[in-house]
N, C-alpha and C. Protein backbone atom coordinates (compact mmCIF):
# COMPACT_ATOMS: atom_id res chain seq x y z
N MET A 1 -87.39 129.23 31.44
CA MET A 1 -88.51 129.35 30.53
C MET A 1 -89.55 128.29 30.87
N GLU A 2 -90.73 128.74 31.20
CA GLU A 2 -91.81 127.85 31.59
C GLU A 2 -92.49 127.29 30.35
N GLN A 3 -92.88 126.02 30.45
CA GLN A 3 -93.53 125.35 29.33
C GLN A 3 -94.54 124.36 29.88
N ILE A 4 -95.71 124.30 29.26
CA ILE A 4 -96.73 123.32 29.64
C ILE A 4 -97.01 122.46 28.41
N THR A 5 -96.97 121.14 28.61
CA THR A 5 -97.24 120.19 27.53
C THR A 5 -98.52 119.44 27.85
N ILE A 6 -99.44 119.44 26.88
CA ILE A 6 -100.73 118.79 27.06
C ILE A 6 -100.88 117.71 25.99
N PRO A 7 -100.81 116.43 26.38
CA PRO A 7 -100.98 115.36 25.39
C PRO A 7 -102.43 115.23 24.95
N ILE A 8 -102.64 114.55 23.82
CA ILE A 8 -104.00 114.35 23.30
C ILE A 8 -104.81 113.48 24.26
N ALA A 9 -104.17 112.55 24.93
CA ALA A 9 -104.85 111.69 25.91
C ALA A 9 -103.80 111.14 26.86
N ALA A 10 -104.24 110.68 28.01
CA ALA A 10 -103.33 110.07 28.96
C ALA A 10 -102.70 108.82 28.33
N THR A 11 -101.53 108.48 28.78
CA THR A 11 -100.80 107.34 28.20
C THR A 11 -101.60 106.05 28.31
N TRP A 12 -102.20 105.81 29.47
CA TRP A 12 -102.95 104.56 29.64
C TRP A 12 -104.15 104.51 28.70
N ILE A 13 -104.77 105.65 28.44
CA ILE A 13 -105.90 105.69 27.50
C ILE A 13 -105.41 105.40 26.09
N ARG A 14 -104.28 106.00 25.73
CA ARG A 14 -103.72 105.78 24.39
C ARG A 14 -103.39 104.31 24.18
N ILE A 15 -102.83 103.65 25.19
CA ILE A 15 -102.45 102.23 25.05
C ILE A 15 -103.68 101.35 24.94
N TYR A 16 -104.59 101.45 25.92
CA TYR A 16 -105.75 100.56 25.91
C TYR A 16 -106.66 100.81 24.71
N LEU A 17 -106.94 102.05 24.42
CA LEU A 17 -107.81 102.36 23.30
C LEU A 17 -107.18 101.96 21.98
N SER A 18 -105.88 102.17 21.84
CA SER A 18 -105.20 101.80 20.59
C SER A 18 -105.24 100.30 20.36
N VAL A 19 -105.03 99.52 21.42
CA VAL A 19 -105.08 98.06 21.27
C VAL A 19 -106.48 97.61 20.87
N PHE A 20 -107.49 98.12 21.56
CA PHE A 20 -108.87 97.74 21.23
C PHE A 20 -109.23 98.16 19.81
N LEU A 21 -108.92 99.40 19.45
CA LEU A 21 -109.26 99.89 18.10
C LEU A 21 -108.47 99.15 17.02
N ALA A 22 -107.23 98.78 17.31
CA ALA A 22 -106.44 98.03 16.34
C ALA A 22 -107.04 96.65 16.09
N ILE A 23 -107.51 96.01 17.15
CA ILE A 23 -108.16 94.70 16.99
C ILE A 23 -109.43 94.83 16.15
N VAL A 24 -110.24 95.85 16.45
CA VAL A 24 -111.46 96.08 15.67
C VAL A 24 -111.11 96.38 14.21
N PHE A 25 -110.06 97.19 14.02
CA PHE A 25 -109.64 97.54 12.66
C PHE A 25 -109.23 96.31 11.86
N VAL A 26 -108.34 95.51 12.42
CA VAL A 26 -107.82 94.35 11.68
C VAL A 26 -108.91 93.30 11.46
N ALA A 27 -109.56 92.90 12.55
CA ALA A 27 -110.57 91.85 12.42
C ALA A 27 -111.78 92.32 11.62
N GLY A 28 -112.22 93.54 11.89
CA GLY A 28 -113.39 94.07 11.20
C GLY A 28 -113.15 94.27 9.72
N THR A 29 -112.00 94.83 9.37
CA THR A 29 -111.71 95.07 7.96
C THR A 29 -111.59 93.74 7.21
N ARG A 30 -110.90 92.80 7.80
CA ARG A 30 -110.71 91.50 7.15
C ARG A 30 -112.05 90.80 6.92
N THR A 31 -112.85 90.73 7.95
CA THR A 31 -114.14 90.03 7.86
C THR A 31 -115.12 90.75 6.94
N SER A 32 -115.25 92.06 7.14
CA SER A 32 -116.26 92.78 6.36
C SER A 32 -115.88 92.87 4.89
N LEU A 33 -114.60 93.03 4.58
CA LEU A 33 -114.19 93.06 3.17
C LEU A 33 -114.41 91.70 2.50
N LYS A 34 -114.10 90.63 3.23
CA LYS A 34 -114.30 89.30 2.68
C LYS A 34 -115.78 89.07 2.36
N ASN A 35 -116.65 89.44 3.29
CA ASN A 35 -118.09 89.26 3.07
C ASN A 35 -118.63 90.24 2.04
N LEU A 36 -118.09 91.44 1.99
CA LEU A 36 -118.52 92.42 0.98
C LEU A 36 -118.18 91.91 -0.42
N ILE A 37 -116.99 91.37 -0.59
CA ILE A 37 -116.60 90.82 -1.90
C ILE A 37 -117.49 89.64 -2.28
N ALA A 38 -117.81 88.79 -1.29
CA ALA A 38 -118.68 87.65 -1.57
C ALA A 38 -120.08 88.12 -1.99
N CYS A 39 -120.59 89.15 -1.32
CA CYS A 39 -121.92 89.67 -1.69
C CYS A 39 -121.91 90.30 -3.08
N VAL A 40 -120.83 90.98 -3.42
CA VAL A 40 -120.73 91.57 -4.76
C VAL A 40 -120.68 90.47 -5.81
N GLN A 41 -119.92 89.42 -5.54
CA GLN A 41 -119.84 88.30 -6.50
C GLN A 41 -121.19 87.61 -6.66
N ILE A 42 -121.92 87.44 -5.56
CA ILE A 42 -123.25 86.83 -5.64
C ILE A 42 -124.19 87.75 -6.41
N GLY A 43 -124.09 89.05 -6.15
CA GLY A 43 -124.95 90.01 -6.83
C GLY A 43 -124.70 90.07 -8.33
N ARG A 44 -123.44 89.88 -8.73
CA ARG A 44 -123.11 89.92 -10.16
C ARG A 44 -123.35 88.58 -10.84
N GLY A 45 -123.59 87.54 -10.07
CA GLY A 45 -123.83 86.21 -10.64
C GLY A 45 -122.57 85.39 -10.80
N ALA A 46 -121.43 85.88 -10.33
CA ALA A 46 -120.18 85.13 -10.43
C ALA A 46 -120.14 83.97 -9.46
N LYS A 47 -120.88 84.08 -8.36
CA LYS A 47 -121.01 83.00 -7.38
C LYS A 47 -122.47 82.62 -7.29
N PRO A 48 -122.74 81.34 -7.05
CA PRO A 48 -124.15 80.94 -6.94
C PRO A 48 -124.77 81.47 -5.64
N LEU A 49 -126.05 81.69 -5.68
CA LEU A 49 -126.79 82.15 -4.52
C LEU A 49 -126.87 81.01 -3.50
N PRO A 50 -126.47 81.24 -2.23
CA PRO A 50 -126.58 80.17 -1.23
C PRO A 50 -128.03 79.71 -1.06
N SER A 51 -128.19 78.47 -0.66
CA SER A 51 -129.53 77.89 -0.57
C SER A 51 -130.39 78.57 0.51
N TYR A 52 -129.78 79.18 1.50
CA TYR A 52 -130.56 79.80 2.58
C TYR A 52 -131.02 81.22 2.20
N LEU A 53 -130.60 81.74 1.05
CA LEU A 53 -131.07 83.06 0.61
C LEU A 53 -132.15 82.87 -0.45
N PRO A 54 -133.36 83.39 -0.20
CA PRO A 54 -134.45 83.19 -1.16
C PRO A 54 -134.34 84.05 -2.42
N SER A 55 -133.66 85.22 -2.35
CA SER A 55 -133.59 86.04 -3.55
C SER A 55 -132.28 86.83 -3.60
N GLN A 56 -132.05 87.44 -4.74
CA GLN A 56 -130.84 88.23 -4.99
C GLN A 56 -130.82 89.50 -4.15
N LYS A 57 -131.97 89.96 -3.70
CA LYS A 57 -132.06 91.20 -2.92
C LYS A 57 -131.27 91.10 -1.61
N PHE A 58 -131.19 89.89 -1.05
CA PHE A 58 -130.43 89.72 0.18
C PHE A 58 -128.94 89.95 -0.03
N ALA A 59 -128.45 89.66 -1.20
CA ALA A 59 -127.06 89.94 -1.52
C ALA A 59 -126.83 91.45 -1.59
N GLN A 60 -127.81 92.18 -2.11
CA GLN A 60 -127.70 93.64 -2.16
C GLN A 60 -127.74 94.25 -0.77
N ILE A 61 -128.61 93.71 0.08
CA ILE A 61 -128.66 94.19 1.46
C ILE A 61 -127.35 93.87 2.17
N GLY A 62 -126.80 92.69 1.90
CA GLY A 62 -125.50 92.31 2.47
C GLY A 62 -124.39 93.25 2.02
N MET A 63 -124.43 93.69 0.76
CA MET A 63 -123.43 94.65 0.28
C MET A 63 -123.50 95.94 1.09
N LEU A 64 -124.70 96.41 1.33
CA LEU A 64 -124.87 97.64 2.10
C LEU A 64 -124.38 97.47 3.54
N ILE A 65 -124.78 96.39 4.17
CA ILE A 65 -124.39 96.14 5.56
C ILE A 65 -122.88 96.01 5.68
N PHE A 66 -122.25 95.23 4.83
CA PHE A 66 -120.81 95.02 4.95
C PHE A 66 -120.01 96.24 4.49
N ALA A 67 -120.58 97.09 3.63
CA ALA A 67 -119.93 98.35 3.29
C ALA A 67 -119.89 99.26 4.52
N VAL A 68 -120.98 99.29 5.29
CA VAL A 68 -121.01 100.09 6.52
C VAL A 68 -120.01 99.53 7.53
N PHE A 69 -119.95 98.21 7.70
CA PHE A 69 -118.98 97.61 8.62
C PHE A 69 -117.54 97.92 8.19
N THR A 70 -117.28 97.89 6.90
CA THR A 70 -115.94 98.20 6.39
C THR A 70 -115.58 99.64 6.70
N ILE A 71 -116.50 100.56 6.48
CA ILE A 71 -116.22 101.97 6.78
C ILE A 71 -115.97 102.16 8.27
N PHE A 72 -116.75 101.50 9.12
CA PHE A 72 -116.55 101.60 10.56
C PHE A 72 -115.19 101.07 10.97
N SER A 73 -114.79 99.93 10.44
CA SER A 73 -113.49 99.36 10.83
C SER A 73 -112.34 100.20 10.30
N LEU A 74 -112.48 100.80 9.13
CA LEU A 74 -111.45 101.70 8.62
C LEU A 74 -111.36 102.96 9.47
N TRP A 75 -112.50 103.45 9.97
CA TRP A 75 -112.50 104.60 10.87
C TRP A 75 -111.76 104.27 12.17
N CYS A 76 -111.92 103.05 12.66
CA CYS A 76 -111.18 102.62 13.86
C CYS A 76 -109.67 102.65 13.59
N GLY A 77 -109.27 102.25 12.40
CA GLY A 77 -107.85 102.32 12.04
C GLY A 77 -107.35 103.75 12.00
N PHE A 78 -108.17 104.67 11.50
CA PHE A 78 -107.80 106.08 11.49
C PHE A 78 -107.65 106.61 12.92
N LEU A 79 -108.54 106.20 13.81
CA LEU A 79 -108.44 106.65 15.21
C LEU A 79 -107.17 106.12 15.88
N VAL A 80 -106.75 104.90 15.54
CA VAL A 80 -105.48 104.39 16.06
C VAL A 80 -104.34 105.29 15.58
N LEU A 81 -104.37 105.66 14.32
CA LEU A 81 -103.35 106.55 13.76
C LEU A 81 -103.35 107.89 14.49
N VAL A 82 -104.51 108.45 14.76
CA VAL A 82 -104.61 109.72 15.47
C VAL A 82 -104.04 109.59 16.87
N LEU A 83 -104.41 108.55 17.60
CA LEU A 83 -103.95 108.38 18.97
C LEU A 83 -102.44 108.20 19.07
N LEU A 84 -101.87 107.49 18.10
CA LEU A 84 -100.45 107.18 18.18
C LEU A 84 -99.53 108.23 17.56
N THR A 85 -100.04 109.07 16.67
CA THR A 85 -99.15 109.99 15.97
C THR A 85 -99.36 111.46 16.27
N THR A 86 -100.41 111.82 17.00
CA THR A 86 -100.67 113.22 17.27
C THR A 86 -99.70 113.74 18.33
N ALA A 87 -99.03 114.82 18.00
CA ALA A 87 -98.08 115.43 18.93
C ALA A 87 -98.85 116.23 19.98
N PRO A 88 -98.27 116.43 21.15
CA PRO A 88 -98.96 117.18 22.19
C PRO A 88 -99.03 118.67 21.87
N THR A 89 -99.93 119.37 22.55
CA THR A 89 -100.03 120.82 22.47
C THR A 89 -99.06 121.40 23.49
N THR A 90 -98.29 122.40 23.07
CA THR A 90 -97.28 122.98 23.95
C THR A 90 -97.52 124.47 24.12
N LEU A 91 -97.51 124.93 25.36
CA LEU A 91 -97.62 126.35 25.68
C LEU A 91 -96.26 126.82 26.18
N THR A 92 -95.71 127.83 25.50
CA THR A 92 -94.41 128.39 25.89
C THR A 92 -94.55 129.89 26.10
N GLU A 93 -93.45 130.53 26.39
CA GLU A 93 -93.45 131.99 26.57
C GLU A 93 -93.75 132.70 25.24
N GLN A 94 -93.48 132.07 24.10
CA GLN A 94 -93.71 132.69 22.80
C GLN A 94 -95.15 132.54 22.31
N GLY A 95 -95.78 131.42 22.63
CA GLY A 95 -97.13 131.18 22.14
C GLY A 95 -97.56 129.76 22.38
N ILE A 96 -98.59 129.35 21.65
CA ILE A 96 -99.14 128.01 21.78
C ILE A 96 -98.94 127.26 20.47
N THR A 97 -98.49 126.02 20.58
CA THR A 97 -98.25 125.18 19.41
C THR A 97 -99.10 123.93 19.54
N GLN A 98 -100.02 123.76 18.61
CA GLN A 98 -100.83 122.55 18.61
C GLN A 98 -100.12 121.51 17.76
N GLY A 99 -99.99 120.32 18.31
CA GLY A 99 -99.26 119.26 17.65
C GLY A 99 -99.87 118.83 16.33
N ARG A 100 -99.03 118.28 15.47
CA ARG A 100 -99.49 117.80 14.17
C ARG A 100 -100.37 116.58 14.36
N ARG A 101 -101.40 116.49 13.53
CA ARG A 101 -102.29 115.35 13.59
C ARG A 101 -102.77 115.00 12.18
N PRO A 102 -103.19 113.75 11.99
CA PRO A 102 -103.68 113.36 10.68
C PRO A 102 -104.92 114.14 10.31
N PRO A 103 -105.26 114.27 9.08
CA PRO A 103 -104.62 113.70 7.89
C PRO A 103 -103.54 114.59 7.29
N TYR A 104 -103.42 115.86 7.75
CA TYR A 104 -102.48 116.77 7.09
C TYR A 104 -101.16 116.93 7.84
N TYR A 105 -101.13 116.60 9.12
CA TYR A 105 -99.93 116.74 9.95
C TYR A 105 -99.40 118.17 9.88
N ARG A 106 -100.32 119.12 9.99
CA ARG A 106 -99.96 120.54 9.95
C ARG A 106 -99.91 121.04 11.38
N GLN A 107 -98.78 121.61 11.75
CA GLN A 107 -98.61 122.15 13.09
C GLN A 107 -99.11 123.59 13.12
N ILE A 108 -99.87 123.93 14.14
CA ILE A 108 -100.42 125.28 14.27
C ILE A 108 -99.69 126.00 15.38
N PHE A 109 -99.12 127.18 15.07
CA PHE A 109 -98.48 128.02 16.08
C PHE A 109 -99.21 129.35 16.13
N VAL A 110 -99.61 129.74 17.33
CA VAL A 110 -100.29 131.01 17.53
C VAL A 110 -99.50 131.79 18.58
N PRO A 111 -98.87 132.92 18.19
CA PRO A 111 -98.19 133.74 19.19
C PRO A 111 -99.22 134.37 20.13
N TRP A 112 -98.80 134.66 21.35
CA TRP A 112 -99.74 135.21 22.33
C TRP A 112 -100.34 136.53 21.88
N SER A 113 -99.61 137.30 21.11
CA SER A 113 -100.14 138.59 20.64
C SER A 113 -101.28 138.43 19.63
N ASP A 114 -101.39 137.25 18.99
CA ASP A 114 -102.44 137.00 18.01
C ASP A 114 -103.70 136.37 18.60
N VAL A 115 -103.70 136.11 19.89
CA VAL A 115 -104.86 135.48 20.52
C VAL A 115 -105.98 136.51 20.61
N ALA A 116 -107.12 136.19 19.99
CA ALA A 116 -108.27 137.10 20.00
C ALA A 116 -109.07 136.95 21.30
N HIS A 117 -109.42 135.72 21.64
CA HIS A 117 -110.09 135.48 22.91
C HIS A 117 -109.94 134.03 23.33
N VAL A 118 -110.12 133.84 24.64
CA VAL A 118 -110.02 132.52 25.24
C VAL A 118 -111.31 132.29 26.01
N SER A 119 -111.96 131.17 25.73
CA SER A 119 -113.17 130.84 26.48
C SER A 119 -112.97 129.48 27.14
N CYS A 120 -113.71 129.29 28.21
CA CYS A 120 -113.58 128.01 28.93
C CYS A 120 -114.96 127.54 29.37
N ARG A 121 -115.04 126.24 29.55
CA ARG A 121 -116.29 125.61 30.00
C ARG A 121 -115.98 124.72 31.18
N PHE A 122 -116.89 124.72 32.11
CA PHE A 122 -116.73 123.84 33.27
C PHE A 122 -117.07 122.41 32.89
N SER A 123 -116.54 121.47 33.65
CA SER A 123 -116.86 120.06 33.43
C SER A 123 -118.32 119.83 33.84
N ARG A 124 -118.81 118.64 33.63
CA ARG A 124 -120.21 118.35 33.95
C ARG A 124 -120.51 118.53 35.42
N ARG A 125 -119.52 118.24 36.24
CA ARG A 125 -119.71 118.42 37.69
C ARG A 125 -119.70 119.89 38.08
N GLY A 126 -119.08 120.72 37.26
CA GLY A 126 -119.07 122.15 37.51
C GLY A 126 -117.99 122.63 38.44
N SER A 127 -117.16 121.74 38.94
CA SER A 127 -116.13 122.16 39.90
C SER A 127 -114.79 122.46 39.24
N ARG A 128 -114.56 121.93 38.06
CA ARG A 128 -113.28 122.12 37.37
C ARG A 128 -113.52 122.56 35.93
N ILE A 129 -112.48 123.16 35.36
CA ILE A 129 -112.55 123.53 33.95
C ILE A 129 -112.37 122.25 33.13
N GLY A 130 -113.29 122.03 32.20
CA GLY A 130 -113.25 120.82 31.38
C GLY A 130 -112.71 121.04 29.98
N GLN A 131 -112.80 122.31 29.50
CA GLN A 131 -112.36 122.59 28.13
C GLN A 131 -111.97 124.05 28.00
N LEU A 132 -110.87 124.29 27.30
CA LEU A 132 -110.43 125.64 26.95
C LEU A 132 -110.45 125.77 25.43
N GLU A 133 -110.93 126.89 24.95
CA GLU A 133 -110.92 127.17 23.51
C GLU A 133 -110.16 128.46 23.29
N ILE A 134 -109.14 128.39 22.45
CA ILE A 134 -108.29 129.55 22.17
C ILE A 134 -108.50 129.92 20.71
N TYR A 135 -108.91 131.16 20.46
CA TYR A 135 -109.16 131.64 19.11
C TYR A 135 -108.12 132.70 18.76
N SER A 136 -107.53 132.57 17.57
CA SER A 136 -106.55 133.57 17.13
C SER A 136 -107.24 134.58 16.22
N SER A 137 -106.53 135.67 15.92
CA SER A 137 -107.08 136.67 15.01
C SER A 137 -107.17 136.12 13.57
N ASP A 138 -106.44 135.04 13.28
CA ASP A 138 -106.49 134.38 11.96
C ASP A 138 -107.59 133.33 11.90
N GLU A 139 -108.47 133.30 12.90
CA GLU A 139 -109.57 132.37 13.00
C GLU A 139 -109.13 130.93 13.20
N GLU A 140 -107.93 130.72 13.71
CA GLU A 140 -107.52 129.38 14.12
C GLU A 140 -108.15 129.10 15.47
N LYS A 141 -108.58 127.86 15.68
CA LYS A 141 -109.19 127.48 16.95
C LYS A 141 -108.40 126.31 17.53
N ILE A 142 -107.95 126.47 18.75
CA ILE A 142 -107.25 125.39 19.44
C ILE A 142 -108.08 125.03 20.66
N VAL A 143 -108.45 123.76 20.74
CA VAL A 143 -109.28 123.28 21.85
C VAL A 143 -108.41 122.43 22.76
N LEU A 144 -108.43 122.74 24.04
CA LEU A 144 -107.69 121.97 25.02
C LEU A 144 -108.66 121.34 26.00
N GLY A 145 -108.54 120.06 26.18
CA GLY A 145 -109.31 119.33 27.17
C GLY A 145 -108.46 118.16 27.60
N SER A 146 -108.20 118.05 28.87
CA SER A 146 -107.26 117.02 29.27
C SER A 146 -107.56 116.54 30.68
N GLY A 147 -107.39 115.27 30.89
CA GLY A 147 -107.45 114.70 32.22
C GLY A 147 -106.06 114.60 32.82
N VAL A 148 -105.05 114.94 32.05
CA VAL A 148 -103.66 114.80 32.49
C VAL A 148 -103.19 116.06 33.21
N VAL A 149 -103.55 117.23 32.67
CA VAL A 149 -103.10 118.51 33.20
C VAL A 149 -104.30 119.28 33.73
N ARG A 150 -104.11 119.93 34.88
CA ARG A 150 -105.20 120.76 35.42
C ARG A 150 -105.35 121.99 34.53
N LEU A 151 -106.53 122.17 33.96
CA LEU A 151 -106.76 123.28 33.04
C LEU A 151 -106.85 124.62 33.77
N GLU A 152 -107.05 124.61 35.07
CA GLU A 152 -107.01 125.84 35.84
C GLU A 152 -105.61 126.44 35.78
N ASP A 153 -104.58 125.58 35.91
CA ASP A 153 -103.19 126.04 35.82
C ASP A 153 -102.87 126.54 34.41
N VAL A 154 -103.41 125.86 33.41
CA VAL A 154 -103.19 126.27 32.02
C VAL A 154 -103.85 127.63 31.76
N LEU A 155 -105.06 127.82 32.28
CA LEU A 155 -105.74 129.10 32.11
C LEU A 155 -104.98 130.23 32.81
N ALA A 156 -104.43 129.95 33.97
CA ALA A 156 -103.63 130.96 34.66
C ALA A 156 -102.39 131.32 33.84
N PHE A 157 -101.75 130.32 33.23
CA PHE A 157 -100.58 130.55 32.39
C PHE A 157 -100.96 131.39 31.17
N ILE A 158 -102.07 131.03 30.54
CA ILE A 158 -102.53 131.76 29.36
C ILE A 158 -102.88 133.20 29.73
N SER A 159 -103.54 133.39 30.87
CA SER A 159 -103.96 134.73 31.30
C SER A 159 -102.77 135.67 31.48
N ARG A 160 -101.62 135.13 31.87
CA ARG A 160 -100.42 135.95 32.05
C ARG A 160 -99.83 136.40 30.72
N HIS A 161 -100.15 135.71 29.62
CA HIS A 161 -99.48 135.97 28.34
C HIS A 161 -100.35 136.63 27.27
N VAL A 162 -101.66 136.49 27.35
CA VAL A 162 -102.52 137.05 26.30
C VAL A 162 -102.81 138.52 26.58
N PRO A 163 -103.25 139.26 25.55
CA PRO A 163 -103.61 140.66 25.76
C PRO A 163 -104.74 140.80 26.79
N PRO A 164 -104.76 141.90 27.52
CA PRO A 164 -105.81 142.10 28.52
C PRO A 164 -107.20 142.07 27.90
N GLY A 165 -108.14 141.43 28.59
CA GLY A 165 -109.51 141.35 28.11
C GLY A 165 -109.77 140.18 27.18
N SER A 166 -108.77 139.38 26.90
CA SER A 166 -108.93 138.26 25.97
C SER A 166 -109.58 137.05 26.63
N VAL A 167 -109.38 136.89 27.93
CA VAL A 167 -109.91 135.73 28.64
C VAL A 167 -111.32 136.03 29.10
N GLN A 168 -112.26 135.22 28.61
CA GLN A 168 -113.65 135.38 29.00
C GLN A 168 -113.94 134.53 30.24
N PRO A 169 -114.92 134.92 31.04
CA PRO A 169 -115.26 134.10 32.21
C PRO A 169 -115.76 132.72 31.80
N CYS A 170 -115.49 131.74 32.64
CA CYS A 170 -115.93 130.37 32.34
C CYS A 170 -117.44 130.25 32.51
N ARG A 171 -118.03 129.36 31.68
CA ARG A 171 -119.47 129.11 31.78
C ARG A 171 -119.70 127.66 32.05
């Protein structure tokens, strides 16, 4: 039984990106939350206004800026979670299974008989397939793009299993 496994990203990308994003998440969240709380306290009058700030409006601007930084650093933490917990997409003789991913961790299985159409796009250079999109009759969409697996081989595997006429020419 032939099977193709396509990870969300190459292992080296997952390691390096996760480390960088984790540092941004921890340091950014800690710093921005600390400053956001300080700006809120200054804005409410619980803390005195620093001598280098001429008016209360700067505390309000600081609240806005540090709220944006907090959201950005929390988003980095979510991306670490995605990189480390998303299961790979698997193509088998029965169908295609997209791995569970946050926030719902819902696994999608599409049998080959339910595939409505498959489209593909060339990479920027135009010499290789850069992305495959698989649509089911239930309107599920599975997108495959990988630097780990040759998508030409994946498209050939899919073409052998889907109903005739489902695979559209690459653009």
